[in-house]
């Protein structure tokens, strides 16, 4: 599974999220929402988040902020694995 991390420059939570994704061997791509107006609108208007990072999985589950517990769930098999927390976190 590949996830998209919507980030902003200088965001320490974004850097930590990328670090843990890499450590857990979850493929990801970073999108800087300060340079991409379409991505910014998606994160703020469509998803309703006002804090970076915003992580979106291939299946649409998403959350905001540094959430190592949810990253661990992804590396363990994703949201459909029994016993893992739901990934849609506001």
N, C-alpha and C. Protein backbone atom coordinates (compact mmCIF):
# COMPACT_ATOMS: atom_id res chain seq x y z
N UNK A 1 0.85 -1.18 0.00
CA UNK A 1 0.00 0.00 0.00
C UNK A 1 0.89 1.24 0.00
N UNK A 2 0.52 2.20 -0.83
CA UNK A 2 1.20 3.49 -0.85
C UNK A 2 0.27 4.52 -0.24
N UNK A 3 0.81 5.37 0.61
CA UNK A 3 0.02 6.44 1.19
C UNK A 3 0.56 7.78 0.71
N UNK A 4 -0.29 8.78 0.77
CA UNK A 4 0.10 10.13 0.43
C UNK A 4 0.13 10.95 1.71
N UNK A 5 1.23 11.66 1.91
CA UNK A 5 1.38 12.52 3.08
C UNK A 5 1.36 13.96 2.57
N UNK A 6 0.32 14.69 2.94
CA UNK A 6 0.21 16.09 2.59
C UNK A 6 0.89 16.87 3.70
N UNK A 7 1.89 17.67 3.32
CA UNK A 7 2.74 18.33 4.31
C UNK A 7 2.91 19.81 4.01
N UNK A 8 3.58 20.47 4.95
CA UNK A 8 3.96 21.87 4.78
C UNK A 8 5.45 22.00 5.13
N UNK A 9 6.11 23.03 4.62
CA UNK A 9 7.53 23.20 4.93
C UNK A 9 7.75 23.43 6.43
N UNK A 10 8.79 22.86 6.95
CA UNK A 10 9.15 23.06 8.35
C UNK A 10 8.26 22.34 9.34
N UNK A 11 7.42 21.45 8.89
CA UNK A 11 6.47 20.74 9.76
C UNK A 11 7.18 19.56 10.41
N UNK A 12 7.39 19.64 11.72
CA UNK A 12 8.09 18.56 12.42
C UNK A 12 7.25 17.28 12.47
N UNK A 13 5.94 17.41 12.60
CA UNK A 13 5.09 16.22 12.59
C UNK A 13 5.11 15.53 11.22
N UNK A 14 5.25 16.32 10.17
CA UNK A 14 5.34 15.75 8.82
C UNK A 14 6.62 14.94 8.68
N UNK A 15 7.73 15.49 9.19
CA UNK A 15 9.01 14.80 9.12
C UNK A 15 8.98 13.52 9.94
N UNK A 16 8.38 13.57 11.13
CA UNK A 16 8.27 12.37 11.95
C UNK A 16 7.40 11.31 11.28
N UNK A 17 6.32 11.75 10.67
CA UNK A 17 5.44 10.81 9.96
C UNK A 17 6.20 10.10 8.86
N UNK A 18 6.96 10.85 8.05
CA UNK A 18 7.75 10.26 6.98
C UNK A 18 8.80 9.29 7.54
N UNK A 19 9.42 9.66 8.63
CA UNK A 19 10.44 8.81 9.25
C UNK A 19 9.84 7.48 9.72
N UNK A 20 8.68 7.53 10.36
CA UNK A 20 8.05 6.30 10.85
C UNK A 20 7.50 5.47 9.70
N UNK A 21 6.95 6.11 8.69
CA UNK A 21 6.50 5.36 7.50
C UNK A 21 7.66 4.59 6.88
N UNK A 22 8.80 5.25 6.76
CA UNK A 22 9.98 4.59 6.19
C UNK A 22 10.44 3.45 7.09
N UNK A 23 10.48 3.69 8.40
CA UNK A 23 10.92 2.65 9.33
C UNK A 23 10.00 1.43 9.29
N UNK A 24 8.69 1.69 9.14
CA UNK A 24 7.71 0.61 9.08
C UNK A 24 7.57 0.02 7.68
N UNK A 25 8.36 0.53 6.75
CA UNK A 25 8.38 0.06 5.36
C UNK A 25 7.03 0.21 4.66
N UNK A 26 6.39 1.34 4.93
CA UNK A 26 5.15 1.70 4.24
C UNK A 26 5.53 2.69 3.14
N UNK A 27 5.22 2.35 1.90
CA UNK A 27 5.53 3.24 0.78
C UNK A 27 4.68 4.50 0.88
N UNK A 28 5.31 5.64 0.60
CA UNK A 28 4.58 6.90 0.69
C UNK A 28 5.14 7.91 -0.30
N UNK A 29 4.32 8.92 -0.56
CA UNK A 29 4.78 10.06 -1.35
C UNK A 29 4.38 11.32 -0.60
N UNK A 30 5.23 12.33 -0.65
CA UNK A 30 4.98 13.59 0.03
C UNK A 30 4.44 14.60 -0.98
N UNK A 31 3.44 15.38 -0.55
CA UNK A 31 2.90 16.45 -1.37
C UNK A 31 2.90 17.71 -0.51
N UNK A 32 3.61 18.74 -0.95
CA UNK A 32 3.69 20.00 -0.23
C UNK A 32 2.47 20.84 -0.60
N UNK A 33 1.54 20.98 0.35
CA UNK A 33 0.31 21.70 0.04
C UNK A 33 0.52 23.21 -0.06
N UNK A 34 1.66 23.71 0.37
CA UNK A 34 1.93 25.15 0.21
C UNK A 34 2.29 25.47 -1.24
N UNK A 35 2.66 24.47 -2.01
CA UNK A 35 3.03 24.67 -3.41
C UNK A 35 2.03 24.09 -4.40
N UNK A 36 1.01 23.42 -3.89
CA UNK A 36 0.03 22.75 -4.75
C UNK A 36 -1.38 23.16 -4.34
N UNK A 37 -1.96 24.16 -5.02
CA UNK A 37 -3.28 24.66 -4.64
C UNK A 37 -4.38 23.61 -4.69
N UNK A 38 -4.28 22.67 -5.63
CA UNK A 38 -5.28 21.61 -5.73
C UNK A 38 -5.20 20.70 -4.51
N UNK A 39 -4.00 20.33 -4.12
CA UNK A 39 -3.81 19.49 -2.93
C UNK A 39 -4.26 20.23 -1.67
N UNK A 40 -3.96 21.52 -1.60
CA UNK A 40 -4.39 22.33 -0.44
C UNK A 40 -5.91 22.34 -0.33
N UNK A 41 -6.58 22.55 -1.44
CA UNK A 41 -8.05 22.56 -1.44
C UNK A 41 -8.60 21.18 -1.05
N UNK A 42 -7.99 20.12 -1.53
CA UNK A 42 -8.43 18.76 -1.19
C UNK A 42 -8.33 18.54 0.31
N UNK A 43 -7.20 18.89 0.89
CA UNK A 43 -6.98 18.67 2.33
C UNK A 43 -7.90 19.54 3.18
N UNK A 44 -8.02 20.81 2.84
CA UNK A 44 -8.78 21.72 3.69
C UNK A 44 -10.28 21.73 3.41
N UNK A 45 -10.66 21.68 2.14
CA UNK A 45 -12.08 21.77 1.81
C UNK A 45 -12.75 20.41 1.72
N UNK A 46 -12.13 19.48 1.01
CA UNK A 46 -12.74 18.16 0.84
C UNK A 46 -12.65 17.34 2.12
N UNK A 47 -11.44 17.24 2.68
CA UNK A 47 -11.25 16.43 3.88
C UNK A 47 -11.54 17.19 5.17
N UNK A 48 -11.44 18.53 5.13
CA UNK A 48 -11.76 19.34 6.29
C UNK A 48 -10.66 19.48 7.34
N UNK A 49 -9.44 19.22 6.97
CA UNK A 49 -8.33 19.32 7.92
C UNK A 49 -7.69 20.70 7.87
N UNK A 50 -7.16 21.12 9.01
CA UNK A 50 -6.45 22.40 9.08
C UNK A 50 -5.05 22.22 9.63
N UNK A 51 -4.63 20.98 9.88
CA UNK A 51 -3.32 20.70 10.45
C UNK A 51 -2.61 19.65 9.61
N UNK A 52 -1.34 19.89 9.35
CA UNK A 52 -0.51 18.90 8.65
C UNK A 52 0.26 18.10 9.69
N UNK A 53 0.64 16.90 9.33
CA UNK A 53 0.42 16.23 8.06
C UNK A 53 -0.98 15.64 7.97
N UNK A 54 -1.41 15.42 6.76
CA UNK A 54 -2.63 14.66 6.49
C UNK A 54 -2.19 13.45 5.70
N UNK A 55 -2.53 12.28 6.20
CA UNK A 55 -2.16 11.02 5.56
C UNK A 55 -3.41 10.40 4.95
N UNK A 56 -3.32 10.02 3.69
CA UNK A 56 -4.44 9.40 2.98
C UNK A 56 -3.95 8.10 2.36
N UNK A 57 -4.66 7.01 2.65
CA UNK A 57 -4.29 5.71 2.10
C UNK A 57 -4.91 5.53 0.72
N UNK A 58 -4.50 4.48 0.04
CA UNK A 58 -5.05 4.18 -1.29
C UNK A 58 -6.55 3.91 -1.25
N UNK A 59 -7.04 3.44 -0.11
CA UNK A 59 -8.47 3.12 0.01
C UNK A 59 -9.28 4.29 0.56
N UNK A 60 -8.62 5.44 0.80
CA UNK A 60 -9.34 6.63 1.22
C UNK A 60 -9.35 6.90 2.71
N UNK A 61 -8.88 5.95 3.53
CA UNK A 61 -8.79 6.24 4.96
C UNK A 61 -7.82 7.39 5.15
N UNK A 62 -8.08 8.22 6.15
CA UNK A 62 -7.23 9.39 6.33
C UNK A 62 -7.20 9.85 7.77
N UNK A 63 -6.15 10.57 8.10
CA UNK A 63 -6.03 11.19 9.42
C UNK A 63 -5.08 12.37 9.34
N UNK A 64 -5.12 13.18 10.39
CA UNK A 64 -4.26 14.35 10.48
C UNK A 64 -3.39 14.23 11.72
N UNK A 65 -2.18 14.76 11.62
CA UNK A 65 -1.26 14.75 12.75
C UNK A 65 -0.33 13.55 12.72
N UNK A 66 0.61 13.52 13.65
CA UNK A 66 1.56 12.43 13.78
C UNK A 66 0.89 11.30 14.54
N UNK A 67 0.62 10.18 13.85
CA UNK A 67 -0.10 9.05 14.43
C UNK A 67 0.68 7.76 14.22
N UNK A 68 1.71 7.53 15.03
CA UNK A 68 2.49 6.30 14.87
C UNK A 68 1.66 5.04 15.06
N UNK A 69 0.61 5.10 15.86
CA UNK A 69 -0.26 3.93 16.05
C UNK A 69 -0.95 3.54 14.75
N UNK A 70 -1.40 4.52 13.99
CA UNK A 70 -2.07 4.23 12.72
C UNK A 70 -1.08 3.80 11.64
N UNK A 71 0.12 4.35 11.69
CA UNK A 71 1.16 3.91 10.75
C UNK A 71 1.50 2.45 11.04
N UNK A 72 1.61 2.11 12.31
CA UNK A 72 1.89 0.72 12.70
C UNK A 72 0.78 -0.20 12.19
N UNK A 73 -0.47 0.25 12.28
CA UNK A 73 -1.60 -0.55 11.78
C UNK A 73 -1.47 -0.78 10.27
N UNK A 74 -1.03 0.25 9.54
CA UNK A 74 -0.82 0.08 8.10
C UNK A 74 0.25 -0.95 7.81
N UNK A 75 1.34 -0.88 8.56
CA UNK A 75 2.44 -1.82 8.31
C UNK A 75 2.08 -3.24 8.71
N UNK A 76 1.10 -3.37 9.61
CA UNK A 76 0.67 -4.69 10.07
C UNK A 76 -0.37 -5.32 9.15
N UNK A 77 -0.78 -4.62 8.13
CA UNK A 77 -1.72 -5.21 7.20
C UNK A 77 -2.87 -4.31 6.81
N UNK A 78 -2.93 -3.15 7.40
CA UNK A 78 -3.93 -2.19 6.97
C UNK A 78 -5.20 -2.21 7.79
N UNK A 79 -6.15 -1.40 7.38
CA UNK A 79 -7.36 -1.17 8.16
C UNK A 79 -8.28 -2.37 8.25
N UNK A 80 -8.14 -3.34 7.36
CA UNK A 80 -9.04 -4.49 7.39
C UNK A 80 -8.51 -5.63 8.24
N UNK A 81 -7.35 -5.44 8.84
CA UNK A 81 -6.79 -6.47 9.70
C UNK A 81 -7.51 -6.45 11.04
N UNK A 82 -8.01 -7.60 11.51
CA UNK A 82 -8.71 -7.63 12.79
C UNK A 82 -7.84 -7.07 13.91
N UNK A 83 -8.45 -6.26 14.77
CA UNK A 83 -7.75 -5.71 15.90
C UNK A 83 -7.03 -4.41 15.65
N UNK A 84 -7.03 -3.92 14.41
CA UNK A 84 -6.39 -2.64 14.15
C UNK A 84 -7.41 -1.53 14.26
N UNK A 85 -6.96 -0.34 14.65
CA UNK A 85 -7.90 0.77 14.81
C UNK A 85 -8.40 1.27 13.46
N UNK A 86 -9.56 1.87 13.47
CA UNK A 86 -10.08 2.50 12.26
C UNK A 86 -9.14 3.65 11.87
N UNK A 87 -8.98 3.88 10.58
CA UNK A 87 -8.02 4.88 10.13
C UNK A 87 -8.64 6.24 9.85
N UNK A 88 -9.93 6.33 9.75
CA UNK A 88 -10.55 7.64 9.49
C UNK A 88 -10.67 8.38 10.82
N UNK A 89 -9.71 9.24 11.08
CA UNK A 89 -9.64 9.96 12.34
C UNK A 89 -9.69 11.44 12.06
N UNK A 90 -10.61 12.12 12.68
CA UNK A 90 -10.75 13.56 12.44
C UNK A 90 -9.82 14.35 13.33
